[in-house]
């Protein structure tokens, strides 16, 4: 009787271990699928970022000279004027 109980206990342990391994495999498969989709989102965002960065760089190169010329014109073209609120004493 004791031998039969011991054998049943060992068989139950084996079944539990097999079930645990099966569930672990399923979990790993689902985890890999979830991480795989996360990885594709990351690459998609990086591609979109590269497209936007190249557009910004293109706009920068295109408008660089005009902006610099306008900036220099405003800084160097000084027109001295008396402010409207200035009062001459007298």
PDB file of N, CA and C in Angstrom:
ATOM      1  N   UNK A   1       0.819  -1.193   0.000  1.00  0.00           N
ATOM      2  CA  UNK A   1       0.000   0.000   0.000  1.00  0.00           C
ATOM      3  C   UNK A   1       0.867   1.262   0.000  1.00  0.00           C
ATOM      4  N   UNK A   2       1.907   1.280   0.822  1.00  0.00           N
ATOM      5  CA  UNK A   2       2.811   2.428   0.875  1.00  0.00           C
ATOM      6  C   UNK A   2       3.539   2.635  -0.453  1.00  0.00           C
ATOM      7  N   UNK A   3       3.925   1.504  -1.050  1.00  0.00           N
ATOM      8  CA  UNK A   3       4.620   1.584  -2.333  1.00  0.00           C
ATOM      9  C   UNK A   3       3.706   2.184  -3.390  1.00  0.00           C
ATOM     10  N   UNK A   4       2.457   1.792  -3.386  1.00  0.00           N
ATOM     11  CA  UNK A   4       1.483   2.320  -4.355  1.00  0.00           C
ATOM     12  C   UNK A   4       1.261   3.819  -4.135  1.00  0.00           C
ATOM     13  N   UNK A   5       1.190   4.278  -2.881  1.00  0.00           N
ATOM     14  CA  UNK A   5       1.045   5.705  -2.579  1.00  0.00           C
ATOM     15  C   UNK A   5       2.270   6.490  -3.056  1.00  0.00           C
ATOM     16  N   UNK A   6       3.434   5.935  -2.835  1.00  0.00           N
ATOM     17  CA  UNK A   6       4.670   6.583  -3.257  1.00  0.00           C
ATOM     18  C   UNK A   6       4.724   6.695  -4.778  1.00  0.00           C
ATOM     19  N   UNK A   7       4.332   5.626  -5.458  1.00  0.00           N
ATOM     20  CA  UNK A   7       4.316   5.624  -6.921  1.00  0.00           C
ATOM     21  C   UNK A   7       3.301   6.642  -7.444  1.00  0.00           C
ATOM     22  N   UNK A   8       2.131   6.721  -6.838  1.00  0.00           N
ATOM     23  CA  UNK A   8       1.109   7.684  -7.258  1.00  0.00           C
ATOM     24  C   UNK A   8       1.610   9.105  -7.049  1.00  0.00           C
ATOM     25  N   UNK A   9       2.306   9.324  -5.947  1.00  0.00           N
ATOM     26  CA  UNK A   9       2.847  10.648  -5.664  1.00  0.00           C
ATOM     27  C   UNK A   9       3.882  11.041  -6.718  1.00  0.00           C
ATOM     28  N   UNK A  10       4.758  10.125  -7.091  1.00  0.00           N
ATOM     29  CA  UNK A  10       5.780  10.386  -8.110  1.00  0.00           C
ATOM     30  C   UNK A  10       5.132  10.681  -9.457  1.00  0.00           C
ATOM     31  N   UNK A  11       4.079   9.903  -9.802  1.00  0.00           N
ATOM     32  CA  UNK A  11       3.375  10.137 -11.067  1.00  0.00           C
ATOM     33  C   UNK A  11       2.713  11.515 -11.071  1.00  0.00           C
ATOM     34  N   UNK A  12       2.140  11.910  -9.953  1.00  0.00           N
ATOM     35  CA  UNK A  12       1.505  13.228  -9.849  1.00  0.00           C
ATOM     36  C   UNK A  12       2.553  14.328 -10.011  1.00  0.00           C
ATOM     37  N   UNK A  13       3.710  14.159  -9.419  1.00  0.00           N
ATOM     38  CA  UNK A  13       4.784  15.149  -9.540  1.00  0.00           C
ATOM     39  C   UNK A  13       5.229  15.291 -10.998  1.00  0.00           C
ATOM     40  N   UNK A  14       5.337  14.155 -11.698  1.00  0.00           N
ATOM     41  CA  UNK A  14       5.718  14.186 -13.107  1.00  0.00           C
ATOM     42  C   UNK A  14       4.674  14.925 -13.939  1.00  0.00           C
ATOM     43  N   UNK A  15       3.385  14.643 -13.665  1.00  0.00           N
ATOM     44  CA  UNK A  15       2.315  15.332 -14.388  1.00  0.00           C
ATOM     45  C   UNK A  15       2.351  16.833 -14.123  1.00  0.00           C
ATOM     46  N   UNK A  16       2.577  17.191 -12.869  1.00  0.00           N
ATOM     47  CA  UNK A  16       2.656  18.617 -12.516  1.00  0.00           C
ATOM     48  C   UNK A  16       3.814  19.281 -13.248  1.00  0.00           C
ATOM     49  N   UNK A  17       4.940  18.615 -13.291  1.00  0.00           N
ATOM     50  CA  UNK A  17       6.115  19.168 -13.966  1.00  0.00           C
ATOM     51  C   UNK A  17       5.865  19.330 -15.469  1.00  0.00           C
ATOM     52  N   UNK A  18       5.234  18.341 -16.088  1.00  0.00           N
ATOM     53  CA  UNK A  18       4.921  18.435 -17.518  1.00  0.00           C
ATOM     54  C   UNK A  18       3.954  19.580 -17.792  1.00  0.00           C
ATOM     55  N   UNK A  19       2.937  19.717 -16.944  1.00  0.00           N
ATOM     56  CA  UNK A  19       1.965  20.797 -17.104  1.00  0.00           C
ATOM     57  C   UNK A  19       2.643  22.157 -16.951  1.00  0.00           C
ATOM     58  N   UNK A  20       3.541  22.263 -15.967  1.00  0.00           N
ATOM     59  CA  UNK A  20       4.261  23.511 -15.744  1.00  0.00           C
ATOM     60  C   UNK A  20       5.129  23.873 -16.953  1.00  0.00           C
ATOM     61  N   UNK A  21       5.826  22.886 -17.508  1.00  0.00           N
ATOM     62  CA  UNK A  21       6.663  23.125 -18.683  1.00  0.00           C
ATOM     63  C   UNK A  21       5.824  23.556 -19.877  1.00  0.00           C
ATOM     64  N   UNK A  22       4.666  22.910 -20.057  1.00  0.00           N
ATOM     65  CA  UNK A  22       3.777  23.270 -21.160  1.00  0.00           C
ATOM     66  C   UNK A  22       3.306  24.710 -21.019  1.00  0.00           C
ATOM     67  N   UNK A  23       2.859  25.100 -19.820  1.00  0.00           N
ATOM     68  CA  UNK A  23       2.384  26.468 -19.586  1.00  0.00           C
ATOM     69  C   UNK A  23       3.522  27.481 -19.767  1.00  0.00           C
ATOM     70  N   UNK A  24       4.717  27.091 -19.357  1.00  0.00           N
ATOM     71  CA  UNK A  24       5.865  27.978 -19.510  1.00  0.00           C
ATOM     72  C   UNK A  24       6.185  28.210 -20.994  1.00  0.00           C
ATOM     73  N   UNK A  25       6.095  27.145 -21.810  1.00  0.00           N
ATOM     74  CA  UNK A  25       6.306  27.288 -23.259  1.00  0.00           C
ATOM     75  C   UNK A  25       5.277  28.233 -23.871  1.00  0.00           C
ATOM     76  N   UNK A  26       4.006  28.068 -23.474  1.00  0.00           N
ATOM     77  CA  UNK A  26       2.951  28.939 -23.985  1.00  0.00           C
ATOM     78  C   UNK A  26       3.211  30.399 -23.600  1.00  0.00           C
ATOM     79  N   UNK A  27       3.624  30.582 -22.359  1.00  0.00           N
ATOM     80  CA  UNK A  27       3.922  31.937 -21.892  1.00  0.00           C
ATOM     81  C   UNK A  27       5.067  32.549 -22.685  1.00  0.00           C
ATOM     82  N   UNK A  28       6.127  31.779 -22.906  1.00  0.00           N
ATOM     83  CA  UNK A  28       7.284  32.281 -23.673  1.00  0.00           C
ATOM     84  C   UNK A  28       6.873  32.641 -25.097  1.00  0.00           C
ATOM     85  N   UNK A  29       6.003  31.829 -25.702  1.00  0.00           N
ATOM     86  CA  UNK A  29       5.539  32.112 -27.062  1.00  0.00           C
ATOM     87  C   UNK A  29       4.747  33.420 -27.098  1.00  0.00           C
ATOM     88  N   UNK A  30       3.841  33.609 -26.138  1.00  0.00           N
ATOM     89  CA  UNK A  30       3.058  34.844 -26.083  1.00  0.00           C
ATOM     90  C   UNK A  30       3.953  36.040 -25.796  1.00  0.00           C
ATOM     91  N   UNK A  31       4.925  35.854 -24.936  1.00  0.00           N
ATOM     92  CA  UNK A  31       5.857  36.928 -24.605  1.00  0.00           C
ATOM     93  C   UNK A  31       6.674  37.325 -25.837  1.00  0.00           C
ATOM     94  N   UNK A  32       7.143  36.356 -26.581  1.00  0.00           N
ATOM     95  CA  UNK A  32       7.921  36.639 -27.788  1.00  0.00           C
ATOM     96  C   UNK A  32       7.064  37.370 -28.819  1.00  0.00           C
ATOM     97  N   UNK A  33       5.811  36.970 -28.947  1.00  0.00           N
ATOM     98  CA  UNK A  33       4.911  37.649 -29.894  1.00  0.00           C
ATOM     99  C   UNK A  33       4.682  39.087 -29.468  1.00  0.00           C
ATOM    100  N   UNK A  34       4.491  39.325 -28.193  1.00  0.00           N
ATOM    101  CA  UNK A  34       4.260  40.687 -27.697  1.00  0.00           C
ATOM    102  C   UNK A  34       5.507  41.540 -27.868  1.00  0.00           C
ATOM    103  N   UNK A  35       6.659  40.996 -27.564  1.00  0.00           N
ATOM    104  CA  UNK A  35       7.907  41.755 -27.712  1.00  0.00           C
ATOM    105  C   UNK A  35       8.236  41.990 -29.173  1.00  0.00           C
ATOM    106  N   UNK A  36       7.874  41.037 -30.015  1.00  0.00           N
ATOM    107  CA  UNK A  36       8.116  41.209 -31.448  1.00  0.00           C
ATOM    108  C   UNK A  36       7.310  42.367 -31.991  1.00  0.00           C
ATOM    109  N   UNK A  37       6.065  42.496 -31.582  1.00  0.00           N
ATOM    110  CA  UNK A  37       5.246  43.614 -32.051  1.00  0.00           C
ATOM    111  C   UNK A  37       5.763  44.916 -31.470  1.00  0.00           C
ATOM    112  N   UNK A  38       6.271  44.889 -30.262  1.00  0.00           N
ATOM    113  CA  UNK A  38       6.852  46.087 -29.650  1.00  0.00           C
ATOM    114  C   UNK A  38       8.089  46.522 -30.427  1.00  0.00           C
ATOM    115  N   UNK A  39       8.881  45.574 -30.858  1.00  0.00           N
ATOM    116  CA  UNK A  39      10.079  45.896 -31.641  1.00  0.00           C
ATOM    117  C   UNK A  39       9.727  46.528 -32.968  1.00  0.00           C
ATOM    118  N   UNK A  40       8.656  46.067 -33.617  1.00  0.00           N
ATOM    119  CA  UNK A  40       8.264  46.657 -34.891  1.00  0.00           C
ATOM    120  C   UNK A  40       7.752  48.075 -34.685  1.00  0.00           C
ATOM    121  N   UNK A  41       7.107  48.347 -33.562  1.00  0.00           N
ATOM    122  CA  UNK A  41       6.659  49.714 -33.263  1.00  0.00           C
ATOM    123  C   UNK A  41       7.860  50.632 -33.103  1.00  0.00           C
ATOM    124  N   UNK A  42       8.886  50.136 -32.454  1.00  0.00           N
ATOM    125  CA  UNK A  42      10.087  50.937 -32.251  1.00  0.00           C
ATOM    126  C   UNK A  42      10.735  51.279 -33.584  1.00  0.00           C
ATOM    127  N   UNK A  43      10.857  50.306 -34.475  1.00  0.00           N
ATOM    128  CA  UNK A  43      11.476  50.587 -35.764  1.00  0.00           C
ATOM    129  C   UNK A  43      10.608  51.539 -36.580  1.00  0.00           C
ATOM    130  N   UNK A  44       9.292  51.407 -36.459  1.00  0.00           N
ATOM    131  CA  UNK A  44       8.377  52.294 -37.177  1.00  0.00           C
ATOM    132  C   UNK A  44       8.533  53.731 -36.697  1.00  0.00           C
ATOM    133  N   UNK A  45       8.642  53.919 -35.394  1.00  0.00           N
ATOM    134  CA  UNK A  45       8.824  55.258 -34.827  1.00  0.00           C
ATOM    135  C   UNK A  45      10.168  55.834 -35.257  1.00  0.00           C
ATOM    136  N   UNK A  46      11.192  55.013 -35.278  1.00  0.00           N
ATOM    137  CA  UNK A  46      12.508  55.495 -35.691  1.00  0.00           C
ATOM    138  C   UNK A  46      12.508  55.911 -37.161  1.00  0.00           C
ATOM    139  N   UNK A  47      11.839  55.159 -38.022  1.00  0.00           N
ATOM    140  CA  UNK A  47      11.739  55.536 -39.436  1.00  0.00           C
ATOM    141  C   UNK A  47      11.021  56.868 -39.583  1.00  0.00           C
ATOM    142  N   UNK A  48       9.917  57.023 -38.851  1.00  0.00           N
ATOM    143  CA  UNK A  48       9.150  58.264 -38.909  1.00  0.00           C
ATOM    144  C   UNK A  48       9.994  59.440 -38.421  1.00  0.00           C
ATOM    145  N   UNK A  49      10.772  59.210 -37.385  1.00  0.00           N
ATOM    146  CA  UNK A  49      11.653  60.251 -36.858  1.00  0.00           C
ATOM    147  C   UNK A  49      12.700  60.637 -37.890  1.00  0.00           C
ATOM    148  N   UNK A  50      13.265  59.661 -38.579  1.00  0.00           N
ATOM    149  CA  UNK A  50      14.274  59.957 -39.600  1.00  0.00           C
ATOM    150  C   UNK A  50      13.674  60.774 -40.734  1.00  0.00           C
ATOM    151  N   UNK A  51      12.447  60.469 -41.138  1.00  0.00           N
ATOM    152  CA  UNK A  51      11.785  61.221 -42.204  1.00  0.00           C
ATOM    153  C   UNK A  51      11.589  62.672 -41.770  1.00  0.00           C
ATOM    154  N   UNK A  52      11.113  62.856 -40.542  1.00  0.00           N
ATOM    155  CA  UNK A  52      10.896  64.216 -40.042  1.00  0.00           C
ATOM    156  C   UNK A  52      12.215  64.976 -39.918  1.00  0.00           C
ATOM    157  N   UNK A  53      13.259  64.307 -39.445  1.00  0.00           N
ATOM    158  CA  UNK A  53      14.561  64.962 -39.302  1.00  0.00           C
ATOM    159  C   UNK A  53      15.117  65.379 -40.661  1.00  0.00           C
ATOM    160  N   UNK A  54      14.964  64.553 -41.665  1.00  0.00           N
ATOM    161  CA  UNK A  54      15.468  64.913 -42.987  1.00  0.00           C
ATOM    162  C   UNK A  54      14.664  66.081 -43.559  1.00  0.00           C
ATOM    163  N   UNK A  55      13.359  66.156 -43.276  1.00  0.00           N
ATOM    164  CA  UNK A  55      12.549  67.291 -43.728  1.00  0.00           C
ATOM    165  C   UNK A  55      13.007  68.572 -43.039  1.00  0.00           C
ATOM    166  N   UNK A  56      13.282  68.489 -41.748  1.00  0.00           N
ATOM    167  CA  UNK A  56      13.759  69.666 -41.006  1.00  0.00           C
ATOM    168  C   UNK A  56      15.114  70.110 -41.530  1.00  0.00           C
ATOM    169  N   UNK A  57      15.999  69.162 -41.794  1.00  0.00           N
ATOM    170  CA  UNK A  57      17.320  69.506 -42.331  1.00  0.00           C
ATOM    171  C   UNK A  57      17.199  70.173 -43.704  1.00  0.00           C
ATOM    172  N   UNK A  58      16.289  69.664 -44.535  1.00  0.00           N
ATOM    173  CA  UNK A  58      16.070  70.259 -45.854  1.00  0.00           C
ATOM    174  C   UNK A  58      15.568  71.689 -45.740  1.00  0.00           C
ATOM    175  N   UNK A  59      14.614  71.929 -44.839  1.00  0.00           N
ATOM    176  CA  UNK A  59      14.112  73.289 -44.625  1.00  0.00           C
ATOM    177  C   UNK A  59      15.206  74.205 -44.096  1.00  0.00           C
ATOM    178  N   UNK A  60      16.030  73.690 -43.229  1.00  0.00           N
ATOM    179  CA  UNK A  60      17.139  74.473 -42.698  1.00  0.00           C
ATOM    180  C   UNK A  60      18.089  74.896 -43.811  1.00  0.00           C
ATOM    181  N   UNK A  61      18.487  73.957 -44.648  1.00  0.00           N
ATOM    182  CA  UNK A  61      19.411  74.276 -45.742  1.00  0.00           C
ATOM    183  C   UNK A  61      18.792  75.259 -46.723  1.00  0.00           C
ATOM    184  N   UNK A  62      17.492  75.114 -46.979  1.00  0.00           N
ATOM    185  CA  UNK A  62      16.809  75.954 -47.951  1.00  0.00           C
ATOM    186  C   UNK A  62      16.679  77.395 -47.446  1.00  0.00           C
ATOM    187  N   UNK A  63      16.379  77.586 -46.170  1.00  0.00           N
ATOM    188  CA  UNK A  63      16.085  78.912 -45.635  1.00  0.00           C
ATOM    189  C   UNK A  63      17.236  79.558 -44.876  1.00  0.00           C
ATOM    190  N   UNK A  64      18.341  78.893 -44.787  1.00  0.00           N
ATOM    191  CA  UNK A  64      19.470  79.359 -43.985  1.00  0.00           C
ATOM    192  C   UNK A  64      19.968  80.725 -44.437  1.00  0.00           C
ATOM    193  N   UNK A  65      20.251  80.886 -45.703  1.00  0.00           N
ATOM    194  CA  UNK A  65      20.812  82.143 -46.215  1.00  0.00           C
ATOM    195  C   UNK A  65      19.848  83.309 -46.017  1.00  0.00           C
ATOM    196  N   UNK A  66      18.586  83.100 -46.329  1.00  0.00           N
ATOM    197  CA  UNK A  66      17.593  84.165 -46.197  1.00  0.00           C
ATOM    198  C   UNK A  66      17.466  84.624 -44.741  1.00  0.00           C
ATOM    199  N   UNK A  67      17.436  83.689 -43.834  1.00  0.00           N
ATOM    200  CA  UNK A  67      17.316  84.037 -42.414  1.00  0.00           C
ATOM    201  C   UNK A  67      18.553  84.790 -41.938  1.00  0.00           C
ATOM    202  N   UNK A  68      19.727  84.330 -42.326  1.00  0.00           N
ATOM    203  CA  UNK A  68      20.955  85.024 -41.933  1.00  0.00           C
ATOM    204  C   UNK A  68      20.993  86.436 -42.503  1.00  0.00           C
ATOM    205  N   UNK A  69      20.610  86.604 -43.755  1.00  0.00           N
ATOM    206  CA  UNK A  69      20.597  87.941 -44.358  1.00  0.00           C
ATOM    207  C   UNK A  69      19.615  88.864 -43.645  1.00  0.00           C
ATOM    208  N   UNK A  70      18.425  88.362 -43.338  1.00  0.00           N
ATOM    209  CA  UNK A  70      17.444  89.182 -42.611  1.00  0.00           C
ATOM    210  C   UNK A  70      17.958  89.560 -41.231  1.00  0.00           C
ATOM    211  N   UNK A  71      18.562  88.620 -40.539  1.00  0.00           N
ATOM    212  CA  UNK A  71      19.092  88.885 -39.216  1.00  0.00           C
ATOM    213  C   UNK A  71      20.184  89.945 -39.266  1.00  0.00           C
ATOM    214  N   UNK A  72      21.106  89.810 -40.201  1.00  0.00           N
ATOM    215  CA  UNK A  72      22.175  90.803 -40.345  1.00  0.00           C
ATOM    216  C   UNK A  72      21.616  92.164 -40.739  1.00  0.00           C
ATOM    217  N   UNK A  73      20.613  92.185 -41.581  1.00  0.00           N
ATOM    218  CA  UNK A  73      20.017  93.450 -41.995  1.00  0.00           C
ATOM    219  C   UNK A  73      19.398  94.165 -40.787  1.00  0.00           C
ATOM    220  N   UNK A  74      18.657  93.430 -39.956  1.00  0.00           N
ATOM    221  CA  UNK A  74      18.035  94.051 -38.791  1.00  0.00           C
ATOM    222  C   UNK A  74      19.067  94.527 -37.773  1.00  0.00           C
ATOM    223  N   UNK A  75      20.155  93.807 -37.626  1.00  0.00           N
ATOM    224  CA  UNK A  75      21.174  94.180 -36.652  1.00  0.00           C
ATOM    225  C   UNK A  75      22.013  95.353 -37.153  1.00  0.00           C
ATOM    226  N   UNK A  76      22.363  95.345 -38.427  1.00  0.00           N
ATOM    227  CA  UNK A  76      23.281  96.355 -38.957  1.00  0.00           C
ATOM    228  C   UNK A  76      22.585  97.606 -39.470  1.00  0.00           C
ATOM    229  N   UNK A  77      21.330  97.538 -39.823  1.00  0.00           N
ATOM    230  CA  UNK A  77      20.616  98.686 -40.368  1.00  0.00           C
ATOM    231  C   UNK A  77      19.968  99.465 -39.223  1.00  0.00           C
ATOM    232  N   UNK A  78      20.713 100.417 -38.657  1.00  0.00           N
ATOM    233  CA  UNK A  78      20.256 101.182 -37.505  1.00  0.00           C
ATOM    234  C   UNK A  78      19.704 102.519 -37.977  1.00  0.00           C
ATOM    235  N   UNK A  79      18.503 102.845 -37.517  1.00  0.00           N
ATOM    236  CA  UNK A  79      17.883 104.131 -37.836  1.00  0.00           C
ATOM    237  C   UNK A  79      17.652 104.865 -36.518  1.00  0.00           C
ATOM    238  N   UNK A  80      18.533 105.802 -36.179  1.00  0.00           N
ATOM    239  CA  UNK A  80      18.363 106.512 -34.911  1.00  0.00           C
ATOM    240  C   UNK A  80      17.150 107.438 -34.960  1.00  0.00           C
ATOM    241  N   UNK A  81      16.306 107.343 -33.960  1.00  0.00           N
ATOM    242  CA  UNK A  81      15.107 108.169 -33.865  1.00  0.00           C
ATOM    243  C   UNK A  81      14.909 108.581 -32.415  1.00  0.00           C
ATOM    244  N   UNK A  82      14.257 109.696 -32.213  1.00  0.00           N
ATOM    245  CA  UNK A  82      13.907 110.116 -30.866  1.00  0.00           C
ATOM    246  C   UNK A  82      12.576 109.472 -30.518  1.00  0.00           C
ATOM    247  N   UNK A  83      12.508 108.943 -29.334  1.00  0.00           N
ATOM    248  CA  UNK A  83      11.293 108.261 -28.897  1.00  0.00           C
ATOM    249  C   UNK A  83      10.164 109.273 -28.756  1.00  0.00           C
ATOM    250  N   UNK A  84       8.933 108.871 -29.027  1.00  0.00           N
ATOM    251  CA  UNK A  84       7.779 109.784 -29.011  1.00  0.00           C
ATOM    252  C   UNK A  84       7.520 110.341 -27.615  1.00  0.00           C
ATOM    253  N   UNK A  85       7.922 109.671 -26.571  1.00  0.00           N
ATOM    254  CA  UNK A  85       7.677 110.146 -25.206  1.00  0.00           C
ATOM    255  C   UNK A  85       8.830 111.007 -24.661  1.00  0.00           C
ATOM    256  N   UNK A  86       9.831 111.223 -25.465  1.00  0.00           N
ATOM    257  CA  UNK A  86      10.965 112.042 -25.011  1.00  0.00           C
ATOM    258  C   UNK A  86      10.549 113.503 -24.962  1.00  0.00           C
ATOM    259  N   UNK A  87      10.853 114.183 -23.840  1.00  0.00           N
ATOM    260  CA  UNK A  87      10.516 115.591 -23.681  1.00  0.00           C
ATOM    261  C   UNK A  87      11.792 116.407 -23.575  1.00  0.00           C
ATOM    262  N   UNK A  88      11.811 117.452 -24.273  1.00  0.00           N
ATOM    263  CA  UNK A  88      12.945 118.365 -24.197  1.00  0.00           C
ATOM    264  C   UNK A  88      12.634 119.358 -23.082  1.00  0.00           C
ATOM    265  N   UNK A  89      13.575 119.466 -22.144  1.00  0.00           N
ATOM    266  CA  UNK A  89      13.367 120.384 -21.019  1.00  0.00           C
ATOM    267  C   UNK A  89      13.423 121.838 -21.508  1.00  0.00           C
ATOM    268  N   UNK A  90      12.486 122.605 -21.124  1.00  0.00           N
ATOM    269  CA  UNK A  90      12.548 124.012 -21.486  1.00  0.00           C
ATOM    270  C   UNK A  90      11.309 124.638 -21.792  1.00  0.00           C
TER     271      UNK A  90
END
